[in-house]
Amino acid sequence: MREIIGIIIIITIVSGASFALQSYLDKTSDEILSKLNNLKDEIRQAIDTNSNSETAKISNEIVAKWEEISEIWSTIVVHQELDSIKLSILEVNGAVEAGSFDDALEEIDKTIFLAGHIKEKESFRLKNIF
């Protein structure tokens, strides 16, 4: 009987930790995707008005946010995928700082895809289990 109780406790702990990590992954990926979409809108506005007042600030916020969340993501996600996202974010930041908005928009779309893909890939769904 004690073994069954022990197994139930272990399963409960593992399941709880899994749901907590999934919740964190969902929340932080939504934050980074929101910031990327905000930057995309700012860049389009900067192209139309020839003014890039907020783009560098938002781009630097994205880099800082990524540095903050990537440490915890590294316990959940394959490192190669994290490296791809980091490189893409750095490309966005470099393109924004250089004023190359067309390149920045292209990299933002790539980063949005990569971050969204991880969110879907790591989600707790039947198709991801089997």
C-alpha atoms as a PDB file:
ATOM      1  CA  MET A   1       0.000   0.000   0.000  1.00  0.00           C
ATOM      2  CA  ARG A   2       2.854   2.387   0.785  1.00  0.00           C
ATOM      3  CA  GLU A   3       4.311   1.823  -2.665  1.00  0.00           C
ATOM      4  CA  ILE A   4       1.078   2.851  -4.328  1.00  0.00           C
ATOM      5  CA  ILE A   5       0.876   6.030  -2.258  1.00  0.00           C
ATOM      6  CA  GLY A   6       4.519   6.782  -3.113  1.00  0.00           C
ATOM      7  CA  ILE A   7       3.876   6.255  -6.828  1.00  0.00           C
ATOM      8  CA  ILE A   8       0.793   8.496  -6.706  1.00  0.00           C
ATOM      9  CA  ILE A   9       2.789  11.233  -4.943  1.00  0.00           C
ATOM     10  CA  ILE A  10       5.619  11.016  -7.500  1.00  0.00           C
ATOM     11  CA  ILE A  11       3.185  11.133 -10.422  1.00  0.00           C
ATOM     12  CA  THR A  12       1.431  14.119  -8.854  1.00  0.00           C
ATOM     13  CA  ILE A  13       4.722  15.987  -8.371  1.00  0.00           C
ATOM     14  CA  VAL A  14       5.915  15.262 -11.916  1.00  0.00           C
ATOM     15  CA  SER A  15       2.547  16.230 -13.412  1.00  0.00           C
ATOM     16  CA  GLY A  16       2.395  19.426 -11.361  1.00  0.00           C
ATOM     17  CA  ALA A  17       5.915  20.427 -12.366  1.00  0.00           C
ATOM     18  CA  SER A  18       5.122  19.676 -15.990  1.00  0.00           C
ATOM     19  CA  PHE A  19       2.014  21.858 -15.950  1.00  0.00           C
ATOM     20  CA  ALA A  20       3.880  24.669 -14.167  1.00  0.00           C
ATOM     21  CA  LEU A  21       6.685  24.603 -16.747  1.00  0.00           C
ATOM     22  CA  GLN A  22       4.153  24.514 -19.577  1.00  0.00           C
ATOM     23  CA  SER A  23       2.342  27.481 -18.091  1.00  0.00           C
ATOM     24  CA  TYR A  24       5.614  29.403 -17.822  1.00  0.00           C
ATOM     25  CA  LEU A  25       6.547  28.513 -21.396  1.00  0.00           C
ATOM     26  CA  ASP A  26       3.148  29.672 -22.671  1.00  0.00           C
ATOM     27  CA  LYS A  27       3.247  32.920 -20.693  1.00  0.00           C
ATOM     28  CA  THR A  28       6.782  33.884 -21.667  1.00  0.00           C
ATOM     29  CA  SER A  29       6.388  32.896 -25.307  1.00  0.00           C
ATOM     30  CA  ASP A  30       3.249  35.038 -25.479  1.00  0.00           C
ATOM     31  CA  GLU A  31       5.219  37.938 -23.981  1.00  0.00           C
ATOM     32  CA  ILE A  32       8.079  37.611 -26.465  1.00  0.00           C
ATOM     33  CA  LEU A  33       5.657  37.193 -29.393  1.00  0.00           C
ATOM     34  CA  SER A  34       3.738  40.268 -28.272  1.00  0.00           C
ATOM     35  CA  LYS A  35       6.933  42.314 -28.082  1.00  0.00           C
ATOM     36  CA  LEU A  36       8.003  41.088 -31.524  1.00  0.00           C
ATOM     37  CA  ASN A  37       4.643  42.003 -33.035  1.00  0.00           C
ATOM     38  CA  ASN A  38       4.832  45.405 -31.332  1.00  0.00           C
ATOM     39  CA  LEU A  39       8.302  45.938 -32.819  1.00  0.00           C
ATOM     40  CA  LYS A  40       7.017  44.882 -36.224  1.00  0.00           C
ATOM     41  CA  ASP A  41       4.255  47.499 -36.019  1.00  0.00           C
ATOM     42  CA  GLU A  42       6.732  50.161 -34.868  1.00  0.00           C
ATOM     43  CA  ILE A  43       9.065  49.364 -37.763  1.00  0.00           C
ATOM     44  CA  ARG A  44       6.226  49.626 -40.275  1.00  0.00           C
ATOM     45  CA  GLN A  45       5.261  52.947 -38.735  1.00  0.00           C
ATOM     46  CA  ALA A  46       8.914  54.077 -38.838  1.00  0.00           C
ATOM     47  CA  ILE A  47       9.098  53.199 -42.532  1.00  0.00           C
ATOM     48  CA  ASP A  48       5.961  55.239 -43.233  1.00  0.00           C
ATOM     49  CA  THR A  49       7.006  58.275 -41.182  1.00  0.00           C
ATOM     50  CA  ASN A  50      10.803  58.078 -41.588  1.00  0.00           C
ATOM     51  CA  SER A  51      11.142  58.145 -37.810  1.00  0.00           C
ATOM     52  CA  ASN A  52      12.513  55.327 -35.658  1.00  0.00           C
ATOM     53  CA  SER A  53      12.113  56.751 -32.174  1.00  0.00           C
ATOM     54  CA  GLU A  54      10.819  53.628 -30.413  1.00  0.00           C
ATOM     55  CA  THR A  55      12.275  50.816 -32.520  1.00  0.00           C
ATOM     56  CA  ALA A  56      15.687  50.601 -30.837  1.00  0.00           C
ATOM     57  CA  LYS A  57      14.130  50.736 -27.373  1.00  0.00           C
ATOM     58  CA  ILE A  58      11.679  47.927 -28.113  1.00  0.00           C
ATOM     59  CA  SER A  59      14.405  45.874 -29.778  1.00  0.00           C
ATOM     60  CA  ASN A  60      16.636  46.185 -26.717  1.00  0.00           C
ATOM     61  CA  GLU A  61      13.689  45.186 -24.484  1.00  0.00           C
ATOM     62  CA  ILE A  62      13.260  42.037 -26.565  1.00  0.00           C
ATOM     63  CA  VAL A  63      16.938  41.141 -26.171  1.00  0.00           C
ATOM     64  CA  ALA A  64      16.747  41.717 -22.407  1.00  0.00           C
ATOM     65  CA  LYS A  65      13.544  39.682 -22.100  1.00  0.00           C
ATOM     66  CA  TRP A  66      15.085  36.846 -24.082  1.00  0.00           C
ATOM     67  CA  GLU A  67      18.150  36.787 -21.831  1.00  0.00           C
ATOM     68  CA  GLU A  68      15.821  36.587 -18.841  1.00  0.00           C
ATOM     69  CA  ILE A  69      13.665  33.716 -20.073  1.00  0.00           C
ATOM     70  CA  SER A  70      16.228  31.679 -21.987  1.00  0.00           C
ATOM     71  CA  GLU A  71      17.814  30.343 -18.799  1.00  0.00           C
ATOM     72  CA  ILE A  72      14.616  28.606 -17.726  1.00  0.00           C
ATOM     73  CA  TRP A  73      13.701  27.628 -21.270  1.00  0.00           C
ATOM     74  CA  SER A  74      17.019  25.808 -21.532  1.00  0.00           C
ATOM     75  CA  THR A  75      15.730  23.242 -19.040  1.00  0.00           C
ATOM     76  CA  ILE A  76      12.713  22.543 -21.246  1.00  0.00           C
ATOM     77  CA  VAL A  77      13.697  23.188 -24.858  1.00  0.00           C
ATOM     78  CA  VAL A  78      16.432  21.772 -27.081  1.00  0.00           C
ATOM     79  CA  HIS A  79      19.449  24.099 -27.024  1.00  0.00           C
ATOM     80  CA  GLN A  80      19.774  24.215 -30.810  1.00  0.00           C
ATOM     81  CA  GLU A  81      16.332  25.779 -31.066  1.00  0.00           C
ATOM     82  CA  LEU A  82      17.188  28.295 -28.355  1.00  0.00           C
ATOM     83  CA  ASP A  83      20.364  29.211 -30.211  1.00  0.00           C
ATOM     84  CA  SER A  84      18.354  29.761 -33.407  1.00  0.00           C
ATOM     85  CA  ILE A  85      15.986  32.118 -31.609  1.00  0.00           C
ATOM     86  CA  LYS A  86      18.829  34.002 -29.937  1.00  0.00           C
ATOM     87  CA  LEU A  87      20.652  34.462 -33.243  1.00  0.00           C
ATOM     88  CA  SER A  88      17.476  35.663 -34.888  1.00  0.00           C
ATOM     89  CA  ILE A  89      16.770  38.135 -32.073  1.00  0.00           C
ATOM     90  CA  LEU A  90      20.314  39.461 -32.317  1.00  0.00           C
ATOM     91  CA  GLU A  91      19.893  39.828 -36.092  1.00  0.00           C
ATOM     92  CA  VAL A  92      16.701  41.822 -35.504  1.00  0.00           C
ATOM     93  CA  ASN A  93      18.465  44.033 -32.984  1.00  0.00           C
ATOM     94  CA  GLY A  94      21.424  44.600 -35.304  1.00  0.00           C
ATOM     95  CA  ALA A  95      19.189  45.410 -38.270  1.00  0.00           C
ATOM     96  CA  VAL A  96      17.142  47.862 -36.194  1.00  0.00           C
ATOM     97  CA  GLU A  97      20.252  49.599 -34.885  1.00  0.00           C
ATOM     98  CA  ALA A  98      21.629  49.814 -38.431  1.00  0.00           C
ATOM     99  CA  GLY A  99      18.323  51.202 -39.705  1.00  0.00           C
ATOM    100  CA  SER A 100      17.821  48.290 -42.102  1.00  0.00           C
ATOM    101  CA  PHE A 101      14.123  47.908 -41.478  1.00  0.00           C
ATOM    102  CA  ASP A 102      13.408  45.518 -44.349  1.00  0.00           C
ATOM    103  CA  ASP A 103      15.950  43.043 -42.970  1.00  0.00           C
ATOM    104  CA  ALA A 104      14.553  43.553 -39.479  1.00  0.00           C
ATOM    105  CA  LEU A 105      11.015  42.736 -40.636  1.00  0.00           C
ATOM    106  CA  GLU A 106      12.259  39.558 -42.292  1.00  0.00           C
ATOM    107  CA  GLU A 107      14.078  38.447 -39.134  1.00  0.00           C
ATOM    108  CA  ILE A 108      11.106  39.333 -36.939  1.00  0.00           C
ATOM    109  CA  ASP A 109       8.908  37.023 -38.998  1.00  0.00           C
ATOM    110  CA  LYS A 110      11.525  34.286 -38.653  1.00  0.00           C
ATOM    111  CA  THR A 111      11.745  34.813 -34.885  1.00  0.00           C
ATOM    112  CA  ILE A 112       7.967  34.813 -34.511  1.00  0.00           C
ATOM    113  CA  PHE A 113       7.827  31.496 -36.332  1.00  0.00           C
ATOM    114  CA  LEU A 114      10.599  29.949 -34.214  1.00  0.00           C
ATOM    115  CA  ALA A 115       9.122  31.074 -30.887  1.00  0.00           C
ATOM    116  CA  GLY A 116       5.610  30.066 -31.898  1.00  0.00           C
ATOM    117  CA  HIS A 117       6.871  26.696 -33.077  1.00  0.00           C
ATOM    118  CA  ILE A 118       8.479  25.992 -29.713  1.00  0.00           C
ATOM    119  CA  LYS A 119       5.297  26.954 -27.907  1.00  0.00           C
ATOM    120  CA  GLU A 120       3.298  24.517 -30.010  1.00  0.00           C
ATOM    121  CA  LYS A 121       5.941  21.796 -30.002  1.00  0.00           C
ATOM    122  CA  GLU A 122       6.295  21.776 -26.228  1.00  0.00           C
ATOM    123  CA  SER A 123       2.573  21.996 -25.503  1.00  0.00           C
ATOM    124  CA  PHE A 124       0.856  19.148 -23.706  1.00  0.00           C
ATOM    125  CA  ARG A 125      -1.142  17.649 -26.557  1.00  0.00           C
ATOM    126  CA  LEU A 126      -1.829  14.109 -27.595  1.00  0.00           C
ATOM    127  CA  LYS A 127      -0.001  14.532 -30.924  1.00  0.00           C
ATOM    128  CA  ASN A 128       3.160  15.652 -29.061  1.00  0.00           C
ATOM    129  CA  ILE A 129       3.115  12.633 -26.774  1.00  0.00           C
ATOM    130  CA  PHE A 130       2.954   9.976 -29.469  1.00  0.00           C
END
